[in-house]
Each structure stands twice: as C-alpha cells, then as structure tokens.
C-alpha cells in the first residue's frame, strides 16, 4: 500500500514551505517517525517525519520547490512491512 506524505501546517499562519534538503533518497527504507525532508517556513526550519514505515518510492518535490500546505511531497510504499 502506498502512502502519500503531505506537508503539514505547523503553524496557524503557515501557507507553504520550501524544500531545503532531502534526508532520504528514493529506494531508502524509512521508519515511522524518521526524518524525510527539511522544510523552511517563514519562521523556522522543520523536519518532516515519515508517517509510516516502508520504502521511499518517490520524491514528488525537489530542493528549492515551494510547496503549499497539504500538498504531497513524497510517496512511501508500505508493502512488506
């Protein structure tokens, strides 16, 4: 089963975030709660954590992309977990 990882709204005024760095590459195994990507908002830099354990199969966004809140940034495949 594939899980879409979406950019959460970390603050009331947050409308988007810039992808600063990917901490995992496509094909890497990720555990629940493990950091996937660094995101800069207007006030701080946050690490978006994996909502599930599995394999990162797609980075939907690239470094430098500005992503709206609730937009998909990655896909994780949970099969075999």
PDB file of N, CA and C in Angstrom:
ATOM      1  N   UNK A   1       0.828  -1.169   0.000  1.00  0.00           N
ATOM      2  CA  UNK A   1       0.000   0.000   0.000  1.00  0.00           C
ATOM      3  C   UNK A   1       0.885   1.249   0.000  1.00  0.00           C
ATOM      4  N   UNK A   2       0.558   2.200  -0.833  1.00  0.00           N
ATOM      5  CA  UNK A   2       1.325   3.440  -0.925  1.00  0.00           C
ATOM      6  C   UNK A   2       0.694   4.514  -0.051  1.00  0.00           C
ATOM      7  N   UNK A   3       1.540   5.262   0.637  1.00  0.00           N
ATOM      8  CA  UNK A   3       1.087   6.358   1.494  1.00  0.00           C
ATOM      9  C   UNK A   3       1.632   7.665   0.950  1.00  0.00           C
ATOM     10  N   UNK A   4       0.745   8.647   0.775  1.00  0.00           N
ATOM     11  CA  UNK A   4       1.156   9.980   0.367  1.00  0.00           C
ATOM     12  C   UNK A   4       1.595  10.752   1.607  1.00  0.00           C
ATOM     13  N   UNK A   5       2.779  11.332   1.551  1.00  0.00           N
ATOM     14  CA  UNK A   5       3.271  12.166   2.632  1.00  0.00           C
ATOM     15  C   UNK A   5       2.975  13.612   2.238  1.00  0.00           C
ATOM     16  N   UNK A   6       2.189  14.290   3.051  1.00  0.00           N
ATOM     17  CA  UNK A   6       1.769  15.663   2.747  1.00  0.00           C
ATOM     18  C   UNK A   6       2.416  16.651   3.704  1.00  0.00           C
ATOM     19  N   UNK A   7       2.646  17.870   3.213  1.00  0.00           N
ATOM     20  CA  UNK A   7       3.216  18.917   4.049  1.00  0.00           C
ATOM     21  C   UNK A   7       2.180  19.354   5.080  1.00  0.00           C
ATOM     22  N   UNK A   8       2.495  19.188   6.363  1.00  0.00           N
ATOM     23  CA  UNK A   8       1.537  19.595   7.395  1.00  0.00           C
ATOM     24  C   UNK A   8       1.576  21.104   7.619  1.00  0.00           C
ATOM     25  N   UNK A   9       0.557  21.614   8.273  1.00  0.00           N
ATOM     26  CA  UNK A   9       0.523  23.016   8.667  1.00  0.00           C
ATOM     27  C   UNK A   9       1.025  23.083  10.101  1.00  0.00           C
ATOM     28  N   UNK A  10       2.285  23.498  10.287  1.00  0.00           N
ATOM     29  CA  UNK A  10       2.888  23.525  11.607  1.00  0.00           C
ATOM     30  C   UNK A  10       2.478  24.738  12.425  1.00  0.00           C
ATOM     31  N   UNK A  11       1.964  25.776  11.770  1.00  0.00           N
ATOM     32  CA  UNK A  11       1.537  26.977  12.486  1.00  0.00           C
ATOM     33  C   UNK A  11       0.299  27.554  11.832  1.00  0.00           C
ATOM     34  N   UNK A  12      -0.448  28.353  12.592  1.00  0.00           N
ATOM     35  CA  UNK A  12      -1.705  28.907  12.090  1.00  0.00           C
ATOM     36  C   UNK A  12      -1.523  29.738  10.822  1.00  0.00           C
ATOM     37  N   UNK A  13      -0.436  30.492  10.729  1.00  0.00           N
ATOM     38  CA  UNK A  13      -0.228  31.348   9.565  1.00  0.00           C
ATOM     39  C   UNK A  13       0.525  30.689   8.429  1.00  0.00           C
ATOM     40  N   UNK A  14       0.906  29.434   8.600  1.00  0.00           N
ATOM     41  CA  UNK A  14       1.700  28.746   7.571  1.00  0.00           C
ATOM     42  C   UNK A  14       0.841  28.408   6.360  1.00  0.00           C
ATOM     43  N   UNK A  15       1.295  28.845   5.178  1.00  0.00           N
ATOM     44  CA  UNK A  15       0.580  28.539   3.939  1.00  0.00           C
ATOM     45  C   UNK A  15       1.410  27.686   2.987  1.00  0.00           C
ATOM     46  N   UNK A  16       2.757  27.691   3.175  1.00  0.00           N
ATOM     47  CA  UNK A  16       3.628  26.882   2.322  1.00  0.00           C
ATOM     48  C   UNK A  16       4.976  26.694   3.005  1.00  0.00           C
ATOM     49  N   UNK A  17       5.829  25.919   2.370  1.00  0.00           N
ATOM     50  CA  UNK A  17       7.174  25.690   2.873  1.00  0.00           C
ATOM     51  C   UNK A  17       8.106  25.387   1.723  1.00  0.00           C
ATOM     52  N   UNK A  18       9.372  25.752   1.876  1.00  0.00           N
ATOM     53  CA  UNK A  18      10.378  25.482   0.837  1.00  0.00           C
ATOM     54  C   UNK A  18      11.166  24.233   1.196  1.00  0.00           C
ATOM     55  N   UNK A  19      11.299  23.330   0.233  1.00  0.00           N
ATOM     56  CA  UNK A  19      12.093  22.117   0.430  1.00  0.00           C
ATOM     57  C   UNK A  19      13.565  22.515   0.462  1.00  0.00           C
ATOM     58  N   UNK A  20      14.217  22.256   1.594  1.00  0.00           N
ATOM     59  CA  UNK A  20      15.620  22.647   1.786  1.00  0.00           C
ATOM     60  C   UNK A  20      16.574  21.487   1.476  1.00  0.00           C
ATOM     61  N   UNK A  21      16.258  20.290   1.973  1.00  0.00           N
ATOM     62  CA  UNK A  21      17.139  19.135   1.764  1.00  0.00           C
ATOM     63  C   UNK A  21      16.366  17.845   1.993  1.00  0.00           C
ATOM     64  N   UNK A  22      16.611  16.872   1.135  1.00  0.00           N
ATOM     65  CA  UNK A  22      16.070  15.528   1.345  1.00  0.00           C
ATOM     66  C   UNK A  22      17.025  14.763   2.241  1.00  0.00           C
ATOM     67  N   UNK A  23      16.504  14.136   3.293  1.00  0.00           N
ATOM     68  CA  UNK A  23      17.312  13.347   4.220  1.00  0.00           C
ATOM     69  C   UNK A  23      17.346  11.877   3.821  1.00  0.00           C
ATOM     70  N   UNK A  24      16.411  11.475   2.958  1.00  0.00           N
ATOM     71  CA  UNK A  24      16.337  10.103   2.440  1.00  0.00           C
ATOM     72  C   UNK A  24      16.239  10.160   0.915  1.00  0.00           C
ATOM     73  N   UNK A  25      16.771   9.145   0.266  1.00  0.00           N
ATOM     74  CA  UNK A  25      16.731   9.051  -1.193  1.00  0.00           C
ATOM     75  C   UNK A  25      15.732   7.980  -1.612  1.00  0.00           C
ATOM     76  N   UNK A  26      15.281   8.062  -2.845  1.00  0.00           N
ATOM     77  CA  UNK A  26      14.378   7.043  -3.396  1.00  0.00           C
ATOM     78  C   UNK A  26      15.041   5.679  -3.270  1.00  0.00           C
ATOM     79  N   UNK A  27      14.278   4.712  -2.765  1.00  0.00           N
ATOM     80  CA  UNK A  27      14.791   3.362  -2.542  1.00  0.00           C
ATOM     81  C   UNK A  27      15.221   3.112  -1.107  1.00  0.00           C
ATOM     82  N   UNK A  28      15.386   4.168  -0.323  1.00  0.00           N
ATOM     83  CA  UNK A  28      15.789   4.018   1.078  1.00  0.00           C
ATOM     84  C   UNK A  28      14.619   3.519   1.918  1.00  0.00           C
ATOM     85  N   UNK A  29      14.936   2.687   2.908  1.00  0.00           N
ATOM     86  CA  UNK A  29      13.941   2.277   3.905  1.00  0.00           C
ATOM     87  C   UNK A  29      13.798   3.412   4.910  1.00  0.00           C
ATOM     88  N   UNK A  30      12.562   3.692   5.317  1.00  0.00           N
ATOM     89  CA  UNK A  30      12.296   4.691   6.352  1.00  0.00           C
ATOM     90  C   UNK A  30      11.430   4.063   7.434  1.00  0.00           C
ATOM     91  N   UNK A  31      11.687   4.469   8.663  1.00  0.00           N
ATOM     92  CA  UNK A  31      10.886   4.007   9.794  1.00  0.00           C
ATOM     93  C   UNK A  31       9.887   5.089  10.179  1.00  0.00           C
ATOM     94  N   UNK A  32       8.818   4.670  10.800  1.00  0.00           N
ATOM     95  CA  UNK A  32       7.815   5.593  11.333  1.00  0.00           C
ATOM     96  C   UNK A  32       8.511   6.639  12.200  1.00  0.00           C
ATOM     97  N   UNK A  33       8.275   7.925  11.928  1.00  0.00           N
ATOM     98  CA  UNK A  33       8.852   8.998  12.711  1.00  0.00           C
ATOM     99  C   UNK A  33      10.243   9.431  12.290  1.00  0.00           C
ATOM    100  N   UNK A  34      10.831   8.751  11.315  1.00  0.00           N
ATOM    101  CA  UNK A  34      12.169   9.101  10.840  1.00  0.00           C
ATOM    102  C   UNK A  34      12.098  10.321   9.921  1.00  0.00           C
ATOM    103  N   UNK A  35      13.089  11.195  10.006  1.00  0.00           N
ATOM    104  CA  UNK A  35      13.120  12.403   9.185  1.00  0.00           C
ATOM    105  C   UNK A  35      13.263  12.094   7.701  1.00  0.00           C
ATOM    106  N   UNK A  36      12.419  12.740   6.883  1.00  0.00           N
ATOM    107  CA  UNK A  36      12.458  12.567   5.429  1.00  0.00           C
ATOM    108  C   UNK A  36      13.049  13.770   4.711  1.00  0.00           C
ATOM    109  N   UNK A  37      12.607  14.967   5.120  1.00  0.00           N
ATOM    110  CA  UNK A  37      12.949  16.165   4.362  1.00  0.00           C
ATOM    111  C   UNK A  37      12.938  17.384   5.288  1.00  0.00           C
ATOM    112  N   UNK A  38      13.868  18.313   5.044  1.00  0.00           N
ATOM    113  CA  UNK A  38      13.895  19.569   5.777  1.00  0.00           C
ATOM    114  C   UNK A  38      13.076  20.591   5.007  1.00  0.00           C
ATOM    115  N   UNK A  39      12.194  21.290   5.728  1.00  0.00           N
ATOM    116  CA  UNK A  39      11.304  22.271   5.122  1.00  0.00           C
ATOM    117  C   UNK A  39      11.463  23.604   5.855  1.00  0.00           C
ATOM    118  N   UNK A  40      11.680  24.676   5.102  1.00  0.00           N
ATOM    119  CA  UNK A  40      11.776  26.004   5.695  1.00  0.00           C
ATOM    120  C   UNK A  40      10.450  26.729   5.517  1.00  0.00           C
ATOM    121  N   UNK A  41       9.921  27.220   6.641  1.00  0.00           N
ATOM    122  CA  UNK A  41       8.707  28.036   6.603  1.00  0.00           C
ATOM    123  C   UNK A  41       9.133  29.483   6.839  1.00  0.00           C
ATOM    124  N   UNK A  42       8.183  30.374   6.940  1.00  0.00           N
ATOM    125  CA  UNK A  42       8.530  31.781   7.131  1.00  0.00           C
ATOM    126  C   UNK A  42       9.226  32.036   8.471  1.00  0.00           C
ATOM    127  N   UNK A  43       9.052  31.122   9.423  1.00  0.00           N
ATOM    128  CA  UNK A  43       9.599  31.365  10.756  1.00  0.00           C
ATOM    129  C   UNK A  43      10.676  30.382  11.205  1.00  0.00           C
ATOM    130  N   UNK A  44      10.761  29.200  10.606  1.00  0.00           N
ATOM    131  CA  UNK A  44      11.703  28.196  11.094  1.00  0.00           C
ATOM    132  C   UNK A  44      11.950  27.100  10.079  1.00  0.00           C
ATOM    133  N   UNK A  45      12.899  26.217  10.407  1.00  0.00           N
ATOM    134  CA  UNK A  45      13.167  25.029   9.601  1.00  0.00           C
ATOM    135  C   UNK A  45      12.680  23.824  10.393  1.00  0.00           C
ATOM    136  N   UNK A  46      11.830  23.020   9.780  1.00  0.00           N
ATOM    137  CA  UNK A  46      11.273  21.821  10.414  1.00  0.00           C
ATOM    138  C   UNK A  46      11.710  20.589   9.631  1.00  0.00           C
ATOM    139  N   UNK A  47      11.707  19.449  10.297  1.00  0.00           N
ATOM    140  CA  UNK A  47      11.955  18.175   9.622  1.00  0.00           C
ATOM    141  C   UNK A  47      10.629  17.439   9.524  1.00  0.00           C
ATOM    142  N   UNK A  48      10.231  17.152   8.301  1.00  0.00           N
ATOM    143  CA  UNK A  48       9.005  16.387   8.059  1.00  0.00           C
ATOM    144  C   UNK A  48       9.337  14.917   8.263  1.00  0.00           C
ATOM    145  N   UNK A  49       8.622  14.276   9.186  1.00  0.00           N
ATOM    146  CA  UNK A  49       8.883  12.882   9.540  1.00  0.00           C
ATOM    147  C   UNK A  49       7.955  11.939   8.784  1.00  0.00           C
ATOM    148  N   UNK A  50       8.417  10.729   8.613  1.00  0.00           N
ATOM    149  CA  UNK A  50       7.632   9.712   7.926  1.00  0.00           C
ATOM    150  C   UNK A  50       6.430   9.292   8.774  1.00  0.00           C
ATOM    151  N   UNK A  51       5.234   9.264   8.172  1.00  0.00           N
ATOM    152  CA  UNK A  51       4.043   8.842   8.913  1.00  0.00           C
ATOM    153  C   UNK A  51       3.898   7.324   9.000  1.00  0.00           C
ATOM    154  N   UNK A  52       4.730   6.587   8.247  1.00  0.00           N
ATOM    155  CA  UNK A  52       4.672   5.120   8.212  1.00  0.00           C
ATOM    156  C   UNK A  52       6.075   4.567   8.002  1.00  0.00           C
ATOM    157  N   UNK A  53       6.240   3.261   8.202  1.00  0.00           N
ATOM    158  CA  UNK A  53       7.475   2.575   7.840  1.00  0.00           C
ATOM    159  C   UNK A  53       7.314   1.996   6.445  1.00  0.00           C
ATOM    160  N   UNK A  54       8.392   2.002   5.671  1.00  0.00           N
ATOM    161  CA  UNK A  54       8.339   1.451   4.321  1.00  0.00           C
ATOM    162  C   UNK A  54       9.516   1.919   3.496  1.00  0.00           C
ATOM    163  N   UNK A  55       9.333   1.937   2.179  1.00  0.00           N
ATOM    164  CA  UNK A  55      10.376   2.351   1.246  1.00  0.00           C
ATOM    165  C   UNK A  55       9.958   3.639   0.552  1.00  0.00           C
ATOM    166  N   UNK A  56      10.846   4.614   0.547  1.00  0.00           N
ATOM    167  CA  UNK A  56      10.581   5.858  -0.173  1.00  0.00           C
ATOM    168  C   UNK A  56      10.647   5.554  -1.664  1.00  0.00           C
ATOM    169  N   UNK A  57       9.514   5.653  -2.336  1.00  0.00           N
ATOM    170  CA  UNK A  57       9.472   5.306  -3.766  1.00  0.00           C
ATOM    171  C   UNK A  57       9.428   6.518  -4.682  1.00  0.00           C
ATOM    172  N   UNK A  58       9.103   7.695  -4.118  1.00  0.00           N
ATOM    173  CA  UNK A  58       9.055   8.884  -4.978  1.00  0.00           C
ATOM    174  C   UNK A  58       9.200  10.156  -4.144  1.00  0.00           C
ATOM    175  N   UNK A  59      10.071  11.030  -4.616  1.00  0.00           N
ATOM    176  CA  UNK A  59      10.171  12.385  -4.091  1.00  0.00           C
ATOM    177  C   UNK A  59       9.383  13.255  -5.075  1.00  0.00           C
ATOM    178  N   UNK A  60       8.217  13.701  -4.680  1.00  0.00           N
ATOM    179  CA  UNK A  60       7.340  14.458  -5.574  1.00  0.00           C
ATOM    180  C   UNK A  60       7.860  15.877  -5.778  1.00  0.00           C
ATOM    181  N   UNK A  61       8.593  16.384  -4.814  1.00  0.00           N
ATOM    182  CA  UNK A  61       9.129  17.742  -4.877  1.00  0.00           C
ATOM    183  C   UNK A  61      10.653  17.704  -4.903  1.00  0.00           C
ATOM    184  N   UNK A  62      11.241  18.801  -5.348  1.00  0.00           N
ATOM    185  CA  UNK A  62      12.701  18.905  -5.426  1.00  0.00           C
ATOM    186  C   UNK A  62      13.182  20.007  -4.486  1.00  0.00           C
ATOM    187  N   UNK A  63      14.471  19.969  -4.170  1.00  0.00           N
ATOM    188  CA  UNK A  63      15.070  21.019  -3.360  1.00  0.00           C
ATOM    189  C   UNK A  63      14.836  22.355  -4.066  1.00  0.00           C
ATOM    190  N   UNK A  64      14.367  23.331  -3.294  1.00  0.00           N
ATOM    191  CA  UNK A  64      14.078  24.655  -3.843  1.00  0.00           C
ATOM    192  C   UNK A  64      12.615  24.883  -4.165  1.00  0.00           C
ATOM    193  N   UNK A  65      11.838  23.795  -4.267  1.00  0.00           N
ATOM    194  CA  UNK A  65      10.401  23.930  -4.536  1.00  0.00           C
ATOM    195  C   UNK A  65       9.695  24.536  -3.325  1.00  0.00           C
ATOM    196  N   UNK A  66       8.747  25.439  -3.598  1.00  0.00           N
ATOM    197  CA  UNK A  66       7.872  25.974  -2.557  1.00  0.00           C
ATOM    198  C   UNK A  66       6.553  25.218  -2.679  1.00  0.00           C
ATOM    199  N   UNK A  67       6.181  24.533  -1.592  1.00  0.00           N
ATOM    200  CA  UNK A  67       5.052  23.602  -1.599  1.00  0.00           C
ATOM    201  C   UNK A  67       3.932  24.132  -0.709  1.00  0.00           C
ATOM    202  N   UNK A  68       2.699  24.177  -1.214  1.00  0.00           N
ATOM    203  CA  UNK A  68       1.576  24.587  -0.368  1.00  0.00           C
ATOM    204  C   UNK A  68       1.292  23.545   0.721  1.00  0.00           C
ATOM    205  N   UNK A  69       0.753  24.018   1.843  1.00  0.00           N
ATOM    206  CA  UNK A  69       0.340  23.128   2.926  1.00  0.00           C
ATOM    207  C   UNK A  69      -0.619  22.077   2.372  1.00  0.00           C
ATOM    208  N   UNK A  70      -0.486  20.860   2.846  1.00  0.00           N
ATOM    209  CA  UNK A  70      -1.290  19.689   2.489  1.00  0.00           C
ATOM    210  C   UNK A  70      -0.999  19.130   1.086  1.00  0.00           C
ATOM    211  N   UNK A  71       0.030  19.645   0.433  1.00  0.00           N
ATOM    212  CA  UNK A  71       0.432  19.122  -0.878  1.00  0.00           C
ATOM    213  C   UNK A  71       1.313  17.883  -0.658  1.00  0.00           C
ATOM    214  N   UNK A  72       1.225  16.919  -1.575  1.00  0.00           N
ATOM    215  CA  UNK A  72       2.033  15.700  -1.488  1.00  0.00           C
ATOM    216  C   UNK A  72       3.493  16.038  -1.793  1.00  0.00           C
ATOM    217  N   UNK A  73       4.394  15.582  -0.910  1.00  0.00           N
ATOM    218  CA  UNK A  73       5.828  15.793  -1.133  1.00  0.00           C
ATOM    219  C   UNK A  73       6.566  14.485  -1.401  1.00  0.00           C
ATOM    220  N   UNK A  74       5.987  13.355  -0.977  1.00  0.00           N
ATOM    221  CA  UNK A  74       6.664  12.062  -1.163  1.00  0.00           C
ATOM    222  C   UNK A  74       5.636  10.927  -1.125  1.00  0.00           C
ATOM    223  N   UNK A  75       6.063   9.773  -1.648  1.00  0.00           N
ATOM    224  CA  UNK A  75       5.248   8.550  -1.604  1.00  0.00           C
ATOM    225  C   UNK A  75       6.091   7.454  -0.948  1.00  0.00           C
ATOM    226  N   UNK A  76       5.492   6.782   0.036  1.00  0.00           N
ATOM    227  CA  UNK A  76       6.166   5.662   0.720  1.00  0.00           C
ATOM    228  C   UNK A  76       5.347   4.406   0.497  1.00  0.00           C
ATOM    229  N   UNK A  77       6.023   3.329   0.091  1.00  0.00           N
ATOM    230  CA  UNK A  77       5.390   2.036  -0.120  1.00  0.00           C
ATOM    231  C   UNK A  77       5.542   1.202   1.145  1.00  0.00           C
ATOM    232  N   UNK A  78       4.426   0.791   1.716  1.00  0.00           N
ATOM    233  CA  UNK A  78       4.430   0.031   2.968  1.00  0.00           C
ATOM    234  C   UNK A  78       4.490  -1.476   2.764  1.00  0.00           C
ATOM    235  N   UNK A  79       4.454  -1.968   1.535  1.00  0.00           N
ATOM    236  CA  UNK A  79       4.438  -3.421   1.310  1.00  0.00           C
ATOM    237  C   UNK A  79       5.651  -4.094   1.961  1.00  0.00           C
ATOM    238  N   UNK A  80       5.389  -5.222   2.546  1.00  0.00           N
ATOM    239  CA  UNK A  80       6.456  -5.978   3.178  1.00  0.00           C
ATOM    240  C   UNK A  80       6.767  -5.535   4.586  1.00  0.00           C
ATOM    241  N   UNK A  81       6.045  -4.552   5.066  1.00  0.00           N
ATOM    242  CA  UNK A  81       6.296  -4.060   6.435  1.00  0.00           C
ATOM    243  C   UNK A  81       5.423  -4.816   7.414  1.00  0.00           C
TER     244      UNK A  81
END
